[in-house]
Amino acid sequence: MTATAAHGSTLAGDALGVVAGLLWAATTVVVRATPLAGAPASKTLLYQLAVSGVLLLAMALMAGQAESVEVNGIVLASLFYQSVLIAFASYLAWFWLLRRYLASRLSVFSFLTPLFGVAFGVVLMDDAVGPRFAVAALLVLCGIVLVNRRA
């Protein structure tokens, strides 16, 4: 594979990542700037999960992806993990926090996500962490402190 082909193949993924970030930001704006700001976090979560569940199922059917799923123990465990821990618990906490704190102060903590991912990789899978990661993690933490310090 040439360098151009490799670069072209990652460009679509990069674009999707940018779109996902924009949509996440739009979700935060909608929650803060509409009547959902006064609604309970559980109601906001219900709306988001109901709409996304219907849309994602429709997209899977249109793409022909729904027929290729082999249901087994790992699939069910993964679905439970994504549904209960990720979609339910973390988003419920996020919407609860959005009602109590400024979105600009909260969003900076999303930069901790890759740090937690690497930490779990180290703990659960014995992944190695080098000095470059340590420096990067320190810079992320300094950025969080800088954004959240009082003027």
N, C-alpha and C. Protein backbone atom coordinates (compact mmCIF):
# COMPACT_ATOMS: atom_id res chain seq x y z
N MET A 1 0.85 -1.18 0.00
CA MET A 1 0.00 0.00 0.00
C MET A 1 0.89 1.24 0.00
N THR A 2 0.57 2.18 -0.83
CA THR A 2 1.36 3.39 -0.90
C THR A 2 0.98 4.35 0.21
N ALA A 3 1.83 5.33 0.41
CA ALA A 3 1.56 6.32 1.46
C ALA A 3 0.29 7.10 1.16
N THR A 4 0.04 7.37 -0.15
CA THR A 4 -1.17 8.10 -0.51
C THR A 4 -2.42 7.29 -0.21
N ALA A 5 -2.38 6.00 -0.52
CA ALA A 5 -3.54 5.14 -0.24
C ALA A 5 -3.79 5.04 1.25
N ALA A 6 -2.72 4.92 2.03
CA ALA A 6 -2.87 4.84 3.48
C ALA A 6 -3.45 6.14 4.02
N HIS A 7 -2.96 7.27 3.50
CA HIS A 7 -3.46 8.57 3.96
C HIS A 7 -4.93 8.74 3.59
N GLY A 8 -5.29 8.35 2.36
CA GLY A 8 -6.67 8.47 1.91
C GLY A 8 -7.61 7.61 2.73
N SER A 9 -7.15 6.46 3.16
CA SER A 9 -8.03 5.57 3.92
C SER A 9 -8.28 6.10 5.33
N THR A 10 -7.39 6.86 5.88
CA THR A 10 -7.61 7.41 7.22
C THR A 10 -8.36 8.73 7.18
N LEU A 11 -8.37 9.38 6.03
CA LEU A 11 -9.05 10.67 5.91
C LEU A 11 -10.55 10.54 6.17
N ALA A 12 -11.16 9.48 5.67
CA ALA A 12 -12.59 9.28 5.91
C ALA A 12 -12.86 9.06 7.39
N GLY A 13 -12.03 8.29 8.06
CA GLY A 13 -12.18 8.07 9.49
C GLY A 13 -11.97 9.35 10.28
N ASP A 14 -10.98 10.14 9.88
CA ASP A 14 -10.75 11.42 10.54
C ASP A 14 -11.96 12.34 10.38
N ALA A 15 -12.52 12.35 9.18
CA ALA A 15 -13.70 13.19 8.94
C ALA A 15 -14.88 12.73 9.80
N LEU A 16 -15.06 11.43 9.91
CA LEU A 16 -16.14 10.92 10.76
C LEU A 16 -15.91 11.29 12.22
N GLY A 17 -14.67 11.27 12.66
CA GLY A 17 -14.35 11.69 14.02
C GLY A 17 -14.69 13.15 14.27
N VAL A 18 -14.40 14.00 13.30
CA VAL A 18 -14.74 15.42 13.42
C VAL A 18 -16.26 15.60 13.45
N VAL A 19 -16.97 14.88 12.58
CA VAL A 19 -18.43 14.96 12.57
C VAL A 19 -19.00 14.49 13.90
N ALA A 20 -18.45 13.40 14.45
CA ALA A 20 -18.92 12.90 15.75
C ALA A 20 -18.71 13.96 16.84
N GLY A 21 -17.57 14.63 16.82
CA GLY A 21 -17.32 15.69 17.80
C GLY A 21 -18.30 16.84 17.66
N LEU A 22 -18.59 17.22 16.42
CA LEU A 22 -19.56 18.29 16.19
C LEU A 22 -20.95 17.90 16.66
N LEU A 23 -21.33 16.64 16.40
CA LEU A 23 -22.65 16.20 16.85
C LEU A 23 -22.73 16.10 18.37
N TRP A 24 -21.64 15.70 19.02
CA TRP A 24 -21.63 15.67 20.48
C TRP A 24 -21.78 17.08 21.03
N ALA A 25 -21.07 18.03 20.41
CA ALA A 25 -21.20 19.43 20.84
C ALA A 25 -22.62 19.92 20.62
N ALA A 26 -23.23 19.55 19.50
CA ALA A 26 -24.61 19.96 19.22
C ALA A 26 -25.57 19.39 20.26
N THR A 27 -25.32 18.16 20.68
CA THR A 27 -26.15 17.55 21.73
C THR A 27 -26.06 18.36 23.01
N THR A 28 -24.87 18.75 23.37
CA THR A 28 -24.67 19.54 24.59
C THR A 28 -25.39 20.88 24.48
N VAL A 29 -25.30 21.53 23.33
CA VAL A 29 -25.98 22.81 23.13
C VAL A 29 -27.50 22.64 23.22
N VAL A 30 -28.01 21.58 22.59
CA VAL A 30 -29.46 21.34 22.63
C VAL A 30 -29.92 21.10 24.07
N VAL A 31 -29.16 20.33 24.82
CA VAL A 31 -29.55 20.04 26.21
C VAL A 31 -29.52 21.31 27.06
N ARG A 32 -28.56 22.19 26.80
CA ARG A 32 -28.43 23.39 27.62
C ARG A 32 -29.34 24.53 27.18
N ALA A 33 -29.70 24.60 25.87
CA ALA A 33 -30.36 25.78 25.34
C ALA A 33 -31.83 25.55 24.97
N THR A 34 -32.39 24.43 25.33
CA THR A 34 -33.79 24.15 25.01
C THR A 34 -34.53 23.81 26.31
N PRO A 35 -35.83 23.56 26.24
CA PRO A 35 -36.56 23.16 27.45
C PRO A 35 -36.01 21.89 28.10
N LEU A 36 -35.17 21.13 27.39
CA LEU A 36 -34.54 19.96 28.01
C LEU A 36 -33.64 20.36 29.18
N ALA A 37 -33.24 21.63 29.24
CA ALA A 37 -32.39 22.09 30.34
C ALA A 37 -33.09 21.93 31.68
N GLY A 38 -34.41 21.99 31.68
CA GLY A 38 -35.16 21.85 32.92
C GLY A 38 -35.70 20.45 33.15
N ALA A 39 -35.53 19.59 32.16
CA ALA A 39 -36.06 18.22 32.27
C ALA A 39 -35.10 17.36 33.09
N PRO A 40 -35.63 16.33 33.72
CA PRO A 40 -34.74 15.42 34.45
C PRO A 40 -33.74 14.75 33.50
N ALA A 41 -32.57 14.43 34.02
CA ALA A 41 -31.54 13.79 33.20
C ALA A 41 -32.02 12.47 32.61
N SER A 42 -32.85 11.76 33.35
CA SER A 42 -33.35 10.47 32.85
C SER A 42 -34.24 10.66 31.62
N LYS A 43 -35.00 11.74 31.57
CA LYS A 43 -35.87 12.00 30.42
C LYS A 43 -35.02 12.36 29.19
N THR A 44 -34.01 13.17 29.39
CA THR A 44 -33.10 13.52 28.30
C THR A 44 -32.42 12.28 27.76
N LEU A 45 -31.99 11.42 28.65
CA LEU A 45 -31.34 10.17 28.24
C LEU A 45 -32.32 9.29 27.47
N LEU A 46 -33.55 9.19 27.94
CA LEU A 46 -34.55 8.39 27.25
C LEU A 46 -34.76 8.89 25.83
N TYR A 47 -34.89 10.21 25.65
CA TYR A 47 -35.06 10.77 24.31
C TYR A 47 -33.88 10.42 23.42
N GLN A 48 -32.69 10.61 23.95
CA GLN A 48 -31.49 10.37 23.13
C GLN A 48 -31.38 8.90 22.75
N LEU A 49 -31.58 8.00 23.69
CA LEU A 49 -31.43 6.58 23.40
C LEU A 49 -32.55 6.07 22.49
N ALA A 50 -33.76 6.57 22.66
CA ALA A 50 -34.87 6.12 21.81
C ALA A 50 -34.63 6.56 20.36
N VAL A 51 -34.26 7.81 20.16
CA VAL A 51 -34.02 8.31 18.80
C VAL A 51 -32.81 7.61 18.18
N SER A 52 -31.72 7.52 18.92
CA SER A 52 -30.53 6.89 18.34
C SER A 52 -30.74 5.40 18.10
N GLY A 53 -31.49 4.72 18.97
CA GLY A 53 -31.77 3.31 18.76
C GLY A 53 -32.53 3.05 17.47
N VAL A 54 -33.55 3.86 17.22
CA VAL A 54 -34.35 3.71 16.00
C VAL A 54 -33.49 4.05 14.77
N LEU A 55 -32.75 5.16 14.83
CA LEU A 55 -31.93 5.57 13.69
C LEU A 55 -30.83 4.55 13.39
N LEU A 56 -30.16 4.07 14.41
CA LEU A 56 -29.07 3.11 14.19
C LEU A 56 -29.58 1.78 13.66
N LEU A 57 -30.72 1.33 14.15
CA LEU A 57 -31.30 0.10 13.63
C LEU A 57 -31.69 0.27 12.16
N ALA A 58 -32.30 1.39 11.82
CA ALA A 58 -32.67 1.65 10.42
C ALA A 58 -31.43 1.71 9.53
N MET A 59 -30.37 2.35 10.01
CA MET A 59 -29.14 2.43 9.22
C MET A 59 -28.50 1.05 9.04
N ALA A 60 -28.53 0.23 10.08
CA ALA A 60 -27.98 -1.12 9.98
C ALA A 60 -28.76 -1.95 8.97
N LEU A 61 -30.07 -1.81 8.97
CA LEU A 61 -30.90 -2.54 8.01
C LEU A 61 -30.63 -2.06 6.59
N MET A 62 -30.52 -0.75 6.39
CA MET A 62 -30.25 -0.21 5.05
C MET A 62 -28.88 -0.63 4.54
N ALA A 63 -27.91 -0.73 5.43
CA ALA A 63 -26.55 -1.10 5.03
C ALA A 63 -26.36 -2.61 4.92
N GLY A 64 -27.39 -3.38 5.26
CA GLY A 64 -27.27 -4.83 5.20
C GLY A 64 -26.44 -5.42 6.33
N GLN A 65 -26.28 -4.68 7.40
CA GLN A 65 -25.45 -5.12 8.51
C GLN A 65 -26.22 -5.95 9.53
N ALA A 66 -27.53 -5.86 9.54
CA ALA A 66 -28.32 -6.53 10.57
C ALA A 66 -28.34 -8.04 10.39
N GLU A 67 -28.22 -8.52 9.16
CA GLU A 67 -28.28 -9.96 8.91
C GLU A 67 -26.98 -10.67 9.26
N SER A 68 -25.89 -9.94 9.35
CA SER A 68 -24.58 -10.57 9.54
C SER A 68 -24.17 -10.72 11.00
N VAL A 69 -25.05 -10.45 11.93
CA VAL A 69 -24.71 -10.53 13.35
C VAL A 69 -24.91 -11.96 13.85
N GLU A 70 -23.86 -12.50 14.45
CA GLU A 70 -23.95 -13.82 15.08
C GLU A 70 -24.03 -13.60 16.58
N VAL A 71 -25.17 -13.91 17.16
CA VAL A 71 -25.38 -13.67 18.59
C VAL A 71 -24.75 -14.80 19.38
N ASN A 72 -23.81 -14.44 20.26
CA ASN A 72 -23.17 -15.40 21.15
C ASN A 72 -22.91 -14.71 22.48
N GLY A 73 -22.23 -15.36 23.39
CA GLY A 73 -21.99 -14.81 24.72
C GLY A 73 -21.20 -13.51 24.70
N ILE A 74 -20.19 -13.43 23.85
CA ILE A 74 -19.37 -12.22 23.79
C ILE A 74 -20.20 -11.06 23.25
N VAL A 75 -21.03 -11.32 22.25
CA VAL A 75 -21.88 -10.27 21.70
C VAL A 75 -22.86 -9.77 22.75
N LEU A 76 -23.48 -10.68 23.47
CA LEU A 76 -24.44 -10.29 24.51
C LEU A 76 -23.76 -9.54 25.65
N ALA A 77 -22.57 -10.00 26.06
CA ALA A 77 -21.82 -9.29 27.12
C ALA A 77 -21.42 -7.90 26.64
N SER A 78 -20.99 -7.78 25.40
CA SER A 78 -20.61 -6.48 24.85
C SER A 78 -21.81 -5.55 24.77
N LEU A 79 -22.94 -6.09 24.34
CA LEU A 79 -24.16 -5.29 24.26
C LEU A 79 -24.59 -4.81 25.64
N PHE A 80 -24.51 -5.69 26.63
CA PHE A 80 -24.84 -5.31 28.00
C PHE A 80 -23.90 -4.20 28.49
N TYR A 81 -22.60 -4.36 28.26
CA TYR A 81 -21.61 -3.36 28.68
C TYR A 81 -21.91 -2.01 28.03
N GLN A 82 -22.11 -2.01 26.71
CA GLN A 82 -22.37 -0.76 26.01
C GLN A 82 -23.70 -0.14 26.42
N SER A 83 -24.70 -0.98 26.63
CA SER A 83 -26.04 -0.46 26.97
C SER A 83 -26.12 0.06 28.39
N VAL A 84 -25.64 -0.73 29.34
CA VAL A 84 -25.81 -0.37 30.75
C VAL A 84 -24.73 0.60 31.22
N LEU A 85 -23.47 0.25 31.02
CA LEU A 85 -22.40 1.10 31.56
C LEU A 85 -22.14 2.34 30.72
N ILE A 86 -22.10 2.18 29.41
CA ILE A 86 -21.77 3.32 28.57
C ILE A 86 -22.99 4.19 28.29
N ALA A 87 -24.00 3.62 27.66
CA ALA A 87 -25.15 4.43 27.24
C ALA A 87 -26.01 4.87 28.41
N PHE A 88 -26.17 4.04 29.43
CA PHE A 88 -27.06 4.40 30.52
C PHE A 88 -26.32 5.17 31.62
N ALA A 89 -25.39 4.55 32.27
CA ALA A 89 -24.75 5.14 33.45
C ALA A 89 -23.95 6.39 33.13
N SER A 90 -23.08 6.32 32.12
CA SER A 90 -22.22 7.47 31.86
C SER A 90 -23.01 8.65 31.30
N TYR A 91 -23.96 8.40 30.39
CA TYR A 91 -24.73 9.51 29.84
C TYR A 91 -25.70 10.08 30.87
N LEU A 92 -26.25 9.25 31.72
CA LEU A 92 -27.11 9.76 32.78
C LEU A 92 -26.31 10.69 33.69
N ALA A 93 -25.10 10.30 34.03
CA ALA A 93 -24.23 11.17 34.85
C ALA A 93 -23.89 12.45 34.09
N TRP A 94 -23.60 12.32 32.79
CA TRP A 94 -23.25 13.49 31.98
C TRP A 94 -24.41 14.49 31.93
N PHE A 95 -25.62 14.02 31.67
CA PHE A 95 -26.76 14.93 31.60
C PHE A 95 -27.07 15.53 32.97
N TRP A 96 -26.87 14.77 34.03
CA TRP A 96 -27.07 15.30 35.38
C TRP A 96 -26.06 16.42 35.64
N LEU A 97 -24.81 16.20 35.27
CA LEU A 97 -23.78 17.21 35.47
C LEU A 97 -24.03 18.45 34.62
N LEU A 98 -24.54 18.27 33.39
CA LEU A 98 -24.82 19.42 32.52
C LEU A 98 -25.85 20.36 33.12
N ARG A 99 -26.74 19.86 33.93
CA ARG A 99 -27.74 20.71 34.55
C ARG A 99 -27.18 21.50 35.72
N ARG A 100 -26.07 21.08 36.24
CA ARG A 100 -25.53 21.72 37.44
C ARG A 100 -24.27 22.56 37.20
N TYR A 101 -23.56 22.27 36.11
CA TYR A 101 -22.29 22.96 35.85
C TYR A 101 -22.24 23.47 34.42
N LEU A 102 -21.37 24.44 34.17
CA LEU A 102 -21.20 24.97 32.83
C LEU A 102 -20.62 23.90 31.91
N ALA A 103 -21.13 23.85 30.69
CA ALA A 103 -20.65 22.85 29.72
C ALA A 103 -19.17 23.05 29.42
N SER A 104 -18.72 24.29 29.38
CA SER A 104 -17.31 24.55 29.08
C SER A 104 -16.39 23.99 30.16
N ARG A 105 -16.82 24.00 31.39
CA ARG A 105 -16.01 23.44 32.49
C ARG A 105 -16.06 21.92 32.49
N LEU A 106 -17.19 21.36 32.09
CA LEU A 106 -17.32 19.90 32.08
C LEU A 106 -16.64 19.25 30.90
N SER A 107 -16.75 19.88 29.74
CA SER A 107 -16.26 19.24 28.52
C SER A 107 -14.76 18.97 28.56
N VAL A 108 -14.04 19.76 29.30
CA VAL A 108 -12.59 19.56 29.37
C VAL A 108 -12.26 18.19 29.98
N PHE A 109 -13.15 17.67 30.82
CA PHE A 109 -12.90 16.37 31.43
C PHE A 109 -13.02 15.22 30.43
N SER A 110 -13.62 15.49 29.26
CA SER A 110 -13.68 14.44 28.24
C SER A 110 -12.28 14.10 27.73
N PHE A 111 -11.33 15.00 27.95
CA PHE A 111 -9.95 14.71 27.55
C PHE A 111 -9.34 13.62 28.43
N LEU A 112 -9.99 13.30 29.53
CA LEU A 112 -9.52 12.20 30.37
C LEU A 112 -9.85 10.83 29.77
N THR A 113 -10.77 10.78 28.82
CA THR A 113 -11.21 9.51 28.26
C THR A 113 -10.04 8.67 27.73
N PRO A 114 -9.15 9.22 26.89
CA PRO A 114 -8.05 8.37 26.43
C PRO A 114 -7.10 7.96 27.57
N LEU A 115 -6.98 8.80 28.58
CA LEU A 115 -6.12 8.43 29.71
C LEU A 115 -6.70 7.23 30.45
N PHE A 116 -8.02 7.23 30.64
CA PHE A 116 -8.66 6.08 31.27
C PHE A 116 -8.53 4.83 30.39
N GLY A 117 -8.67 5.02 29.08
CA GLY A 117 -8.52 3.89 28.16
C GLY A 117 -7.15 3.25 28.26
N VAL A 118 -6.12 4.07 28.29
CA VAL A 118 -4.76 3.55 28.42
C VAL A 118 -4.56 2.93 29.80
N ALA A 119 -5.08 3.57 30.83
CA ALA A 119 -4.94 3.02 32.19
C ALA A 119 -5.58 1.65 32.31
N PHE A 120 -6.78 1.49 31.73
CA PHE A 120 -7.42 0.17 31.76
C PHE A 120 -6.64 -0.84 30.92
N GLY A 121 -6.03 -0.39 29.83
CA GLY A 121 -5.18 -1.28 29.03
C GLY A 121 -3.99 -1.77 29.82
N VAL A 122 -3.43 -0.88 30.62
CA VAL A 122 -2.29 -1.26 31.47
C VAL A 122 -2.73 -2.24 32.55
N VAL A 123 -3.83 -1.94 33.21
CA VAL A 123 -4.29 -2.77 34.32
C VAL A 123 -4.83 -4.12 33.85
N LEU A 124 -5.66 -4.09 32.81
CA LEU A 124 -6.35 -5.31 32.39
C LEU A 124 -5.57 -6.15 31.39
N MET A 125 -4.72 -5.52 30.59
CA MET A 125 -4.06 -6.25 29.52
C MET A 125 -2.54 -6.17 29.56
N ASP A 126 -2.00 -5.62 30.63
CA ASP A 126 -0.55 -5.49 30.79
C ASP A 126 0.12 -4.73 29.65
N ASP A 127 -0.56 -3.73 29.10
CA ASP A 127 0.03 -2.90 28.06
C ASP A 127 1.17 -2.08 28.66
N ALA A 128 2.16 -1.81 27.84
CA ALA A 128 3.30 -1.00 28.29
C ALA A 128 3.01 0.48 28.04
N VAL A 129 3.48 1.32 28.94
CA VAL A 129 3.34 2.76 28.80
C VAL A 129 4.74 3.36 28.77
N GLY A 130 4.99 4.16 27.75
CA GLY A 130 6.30 4.77 27.60
C GLY A 130 6.34 6.19 28.13
N PRO A 131 7.51 6.79 28.09
CA PRO A 131 7.66 8.16 28.60
C PRO A 131 6.89 9.19 27.78
N ARG A 132 6.69 8.93 26.49
CA ARG A 132 5.92 9.88 25.67
C ARG A 132 4.48 9.96 26.18
N PHE A 133 3.90 8.82 26.55
CA PHE A 133 2.54 8.85 27.07
C PHE A 133 2.50 9.59 28.40
N ALA A 134 3.49 9.37 29.24
CA ALA A 134 3.53 10.05 30.54
C ALA A 134 3.56 11.57 30.35
N VAL A 135 4.35 12.04 29.40
CA VAL A 135 4.42 13.47 29.12
C VAL A 135 3.07 13.97 28.58
N ALA A 136 2.49 13.19 27.66
CA ALA A 136 1.18 13.58 27.10
C ALA A 136 0.11 13.64 28.18
N ALA A 137 0.09 12.64 29.07
CA ALA A 137 -0.89 12.61 30.15
C ALA A 137 -0.69 13.82 31.08
N LEU A 138 0.53 14.14 31.36
CA LEU A 138 0.82 15.30 32.21
C LEU A 138 0.34 16.59 31.55
N LEU A 139 0.52 16.71 30.24
CA LEU A 139 0.05 17.90 29.54
C LEU A 139 -1.48 17.99 29.55
N VAL A 140 -2.14 16.85 29.38
CA VAL A 140 -3.61 16.84 29.44
C VAL A 140 -4.07 17.30 30.83
N LEU A 141 -3.47 16.75 31.86
CA LEU A 141 -3.85 17.13 33.22
C LEU A 141 -3.57 18.60 33.50
N CYS A 142 -2.46 19.11 33.00
CA CYS A 142 -2.16 20.54 33.16
C CYS A 142 -3.20 21.40 32.45
N GLY A 143 -3.64 20.96 31.27
CA GLY A 143 -4.68 21.68 30.54
C GLY A 143 -5.99 21.71 31.31
N ILE A 144 -6.33 20.60 31.93
CA ILE A 144 -7.57 20.55 32.73
C ILE A 144 -7.48 21.49 33.91
N VAL A 145 -6.36 21.50 34.58
CA VAL A 145 -6.16 22.41 35.71
C VAL A 145 -6.21 23.86 35.23
N LEU A 146 -5.59 24.15 34.11
CA LEU A 146 -5.55 25.51 33.57
C LEU A 146 -6.97 26.01 33.22
N VAL A 147 -7.77 25.17 32.61
CA VAL A 147 -9.13 25.58 32.23
C VAL A 147 -10.03 25.75 33.45
N ASN A 148 -9.83 24.95 34.47
CA ASN A 148 -10.73 24.96 35.62
C ASN A 148 -10.26 25.83 36.78
N ARG A 149 -9.12 26.44 36.69
CA ARG A 149 -8.67 27.27 37.81
C ARG A 149 -9.49 28.56 37.88
N ARG A 150 -9.54 29.08 39.04
CA ARG A 150 -10.31 30.33 39.24
C ARG A 150 -9.47 31.52 38.81
N ALA A 151 -10.14 32.51 38.24
CA ALA A 151 -9.44 33.69 37.75
C ALA A 151 -8.95 34.56 38.88
